[in-house]
Protein backbone atom coordinates (compact mmCIF):
# COMPACT_ATOMS: atom_id res chain seq x y z
CA MET A 1 19.03 45.38 162.94
CA LEU A 2 17.64 44.38 166.29
CA THR A 3 18.65 46.16 169.34
CA ALA A 4 19.14 44.35 172.62
CA TRP A 5 15.99 45.94 173.96
CA ARG A 6 13.97 44.65 170.96
CA VAL A 7 15.38 41.10 171.34
CA ASP A 8 14.34 41.06 175.01
CA GLN A 9 10.86 42.27 174.07
CA VAL A 10 10.43 39.46 171.47
CA ARG A 11 11.66 36.83 173.98
CA THR A 12 9.20 38.12 176.59
CA GLN A 13 6.38 37.95 174.03
CA ILE A 14 7.27 34.36 173.07
CA LEU A 15 7.40 33.27 176.70
CA ALA A 16 4.09 34.97 177.52
CA THR A 17 2.08 33.53 174.62
CA GLY A 18 3.84 30.20 174.23
CA CYS A 19 4.43 30.60 170.53
CA SER A 20 6.50 32.60 168.19
CA LYS A 21 5.43 34.33 165.01
CA SER A 22 6.74 31.41 162.94
CA SER A 23 4.59 28.67 164.59
CA ARG A 24 1.02 28.79 163.34
CA GLY A 25 -1.80 26.19 163.03
CA PHE A 26 -2.46 22.87 164.71
CA THR A 27 -0.31 19.79 164.99
CA LEU A 28 -1.30 16.58 163.26
CA ILE A 29 -2.04 14.95 166.62
CA GLU A 30 -4.47 17.72 167.59
CA VAL A 31 -6.34 17.39 164.28
CA LEU A 32 -6.55 13.58 164.63
CA VAL A 33 -7.90 13.83 168.18
CA VAL A 34 -10.63 16.22 167.07
CA LEU A 35 -11.57 13.94 164.15
CA VAL A 36 -11.80 10.89 166.44
CA VAL A 37 -14.05 12.77 168.88
CA ILE A 38 -16.32 13.92 166.03
CA GLY A 39 -16.46 10.37 164.66
CA ILE A 40 -17.47 8.88 168.02
CA ALA A 41 -20.16 11.52 168.56
CA THR A 42 -21.56 10.96 165.06
CA SER A 43 -21.72 7.19 165.49
CA LEU A 44 -23.62 7.56 168.79
CA VAL A 45 -26.17 9.85 167.15
CA VAL A 46 -26.64 7.47 164.20
CA LEU A 47 -27.08 4.43 166.49
CA ASN A 48 -29.69 6.20 168.60
CA PHE A 49 -31.53 7.45 165.51
CA SER A 50 -31.63 3.94 163.99
CA ALA A 51 -33.06 2.52 167.23
CA VAL A 52 -35.80 5.17 167.23
CA THR A 53 -36.57 4.53 163.54
CA SER A 54 -36.73 0.78 164.16
CA ALA A 55 -39.11 1.29 167.09
CA SER A 56 -41.45 3.47 165.02
CA GLN A 57 -41.51 0.90 162.19
CA GLN A 58 -42.30 -1.87 164.67
CA SER A 59 -45.04 0.22 166.21
CA ALA A 60 -46.66 0.74 162.82
CA SER A 61 -46.34 -2.97 162.05
CA PHE A 62 -47.89 -4.13 165.33
CA THR A 63 -50.59 -1.47 165.08
CA LYS A 64 -51.55 -2.64 161.60
CA THR A 65 -51.73 -6.29 162.68
CA PHE A 66 -53.65 -5.67 165.88
CA ASN A 67 -56.06 -3.25 164.20
CA TYR A 68 -56.76 -5.88 161.55
CA LEU A 69 -57.40 -8.56 164.18
CA ALA A 70 -59.72 -6.24 166.15
CA GLU A 71 -61.67 -5.34 162.99
CA GLU A 72 -61.88 -8.98 161.93
CA SER A 73 -63.24 -9.91 165.35
CA ILE A 74 -65.86 -7.14 165.19
CA ILE A 75 -66.96 -8.00 161.64
CA THR A 76 -67.16 -11.77 162.12
CA GLY A 77 -68.41 -11.64 165.70
CA GLY A 78 -65.78 -14.24 166.61
CA ILE A 79 -63.11 -14.29 169.24
CA ILE A 80 -59.57 -14.27 167.83
CA GLY A 81 -56.42 -15.32 169.65
CA TRP A 82 -52.97 -14.01 168.71
CA HIS A 83 -50.21 -16.53 169.35
CA ALA A 84 -46.46 -16.01 169.29
CA ASN A 85 -43.40 -18.02 170.10
CA ASN A 86 -39.76 -17.21 169.51
CA ARG A 87 -39.91 -17.78 165.74
CA ASP A 88 -43.29 -16.63 164.46
CA ASP A 89 -46.71 -15.27 165.26
CA PHE A 90 -50.11 -16.40 164.02
CA SER A 91 -53.82 -15.97 164.73
CA TYR A 92 -56.70 -18.40 165.21
CA TYR A 93 -60.41 -18.14 165.75
CA LEU A 94 -61.30 -19.47 169.18
CA ASP A 95 -64.45 -21.46 169.93
CA ILE A 96 -66.65 -20.91 172.99
CA ASN A 97 -64.38 -23.05 175.18
CA GLY A 98 -61.28 -21.09 174.17
CA LYS A 99 -59.91 -23.91 171.99
CA LEU A 100 -58.34 -23.25 168.60
CA SER A 101 -60.84 -23.75 165.81
CA ASN A 102 -59.32 -22.61 162.51
CA GLU A 103 -56.41 -20.46 161.49
CA LEU A 104 -57.04 -16.94 160.35
CA GLU A 105 -55.73 -16.41 156.84
CA TYR A 106 -53.71 -13.25 157.26
CA SER A 107 -50.08 -12.53 156.55
CA HIS A 108 -48.78 -10.75 159.62
CA PRO A 109 -46.59 -7.77 158.73
CA THR A 110 -44.90 -7.77 162.17
CA HIS A 111 -41.73 -9.49 160.90
CA TRP A 112 -41.67 -11.36 164.20
CA ASN A 113 -39.14 -13.91 162.91
CA LYS A 114 -36.41 -11.28 162.53
CA PHE A 115 -36.31 -11.16 166.34
CA SER A 116 -35.96 -14.94 166.70
CA ARG A 117 -32.43 -14.82 168.10
CA TYR A 118 -33.45 -12.47 170.93
CA ARG A 119 -35.13 -13.40 174.20
CA LYS A 120 -38.76 -12.28 174.41
CA THR A 121 -41.29 -12.26 177.23
CA PHE A 122 -44.99 -11.45 177.40
CA LYS A 123 -46.58 -10.01 180.55
CA SER A 124 -50.35 -9.98 180.64
CA PHE A 125 -52.18 -7.36 182.64
CA ASP A 126 -53.08 -9.99 185.25
CA GLY A 127 -49.36 -10.17 186.13
CA SER A 128 -48.43 -13.52 184.58
CA ILE A 129 -45.20 -13.60 182.57
CA SER A 130 -44.51 -16.03 179.72
CA GLU A 131 -41.15 -16.66 178.08
CA LEU A 132 -41.63 -16.79 174.32
CA ASP A 133 -39.30 -19.60 173.39
CA GLN A 134 -39.78 -22.40 170.91
CA ASN A 135 -41.60 -24.52 173.50
CA SER A 136 -44.32 -21.95 174.25
CA PRO A 137 -47.68 -23.42 175.12
CA ASP A 138 -50.42 -23.13 172.53
CA LYS A 139 -52.39 -20.53 174.43
CA PRO A 140 -53.06 -17.12 172.91
CA LEU A 141 -51.13 -14.18 174.24
CA LEU A 142 -53.75 -11.66 173.15
CA ILE A 143 -57.46 -12.23 172.72
CA PHE A 144 -59.52 -9.95 170.48
CA TYR A 145 -63.22 -9.67 171.33
CA PRO A 146 -66.15 -8.67 169.07
CA SER A 147 -66.61 -5.56 171.22
CA GLY A 148 -63.38 -4.16 169.74
CA GLU A 149 -61.28 -4.64 172.85
CA ASN A 150 -58.42 -7.03 173.49
CA SER A 151 -56.86 -8.61 176.57
CA GLY A 152 -53.74 -6.38 176.36
CA GLY A 153 -50.24 -7.02 177.61
CA ILE A 154 -46.58 -6.09 177.42
CA ILE A 155 -43.99 -7.69 175.12
CA ASN A 156 -40.34 -7.28 176.09
CA ILE A 157 -37.62 -7.95 173.52
CA PHE A 158 -34.10 -8.13 174.94
CA PHE A 159 -31.59 -7.09 172.26
CA ASN A 160 -27.83 -7.16 172.78
CA GLU A 161 -27.52 -3.39 173.23
CA TYR A 162 -30.90 -2.50 174.73
CA SER A 163 -34.35 -3.77 175.73
CA GLN A 164 -37.58 -2.79 174.09
CA GLU A 165 -41.02 -2.77 175.68
CA ILE A 166 -44.15 -2.98 173.52
CA THR A 167 -47.32 -2.18 175.45
CA ILE A 168 -50.63 -3.23 173.87
CA ASN A 169 -53.46 -1.49 175.70
CA THR A 170 -56.93 -3.02 175.83
CA ASN A 171 -58.22 -0.28 173.52
CA GLY A 172 -55.68 -1.24 170.84
CA LYS A 173 -53.24 1.63 171.39
CA ILE A 174 -49.62 0.48 171.09
CA GLN A 175 -46.63 2.15 172.74
CA ILE A 176 -43.03 1.13 172.12
CA GLU A 177 -40.27 2.27 174.44
CA ILE A 178 -36.58 1.52 174.70
CA ILE A 179 -36.24 0.74 178.41
CA SER A 180 -32.49 0.22 178.86
CA TYR A 181 -29.20 0.57 177.04
């Protein structure tokens, strides 16, 4: 049997803590809010990780292609031009006047055509910028010399969610960065 003093003590305890001994655990709303927050955080981490993975795969792909073109130029002693438009990329040997002579038989592993729906630009190190659309002129974007160097430049690919910058240095080193979200 509870005395009046004991009842007042229990009421004071309930008012001070905000809960009674019979209410324990979380409400359904609180659990759902926590699950939604965890889901949003997880999806952001996965999206960022997939963008980083994609960039590293592209870097390996471009590195393989450009290393092959540099080696081919050194071995043959010829000048090779790398061309690209919005749909595909290809390489040609160039004659002394810089004109296309014959196509280089090499299957490019860059998967350039998977980016065909995105806007792309090429900025050479002399400052000129070319839009890579379907009406691109037939001039090479990169030139590979028998000395092992190339003309270098920066390719920008503008995706829906972010932009990617691919820098091809004259020594053949390739850097890929995500420049905006």
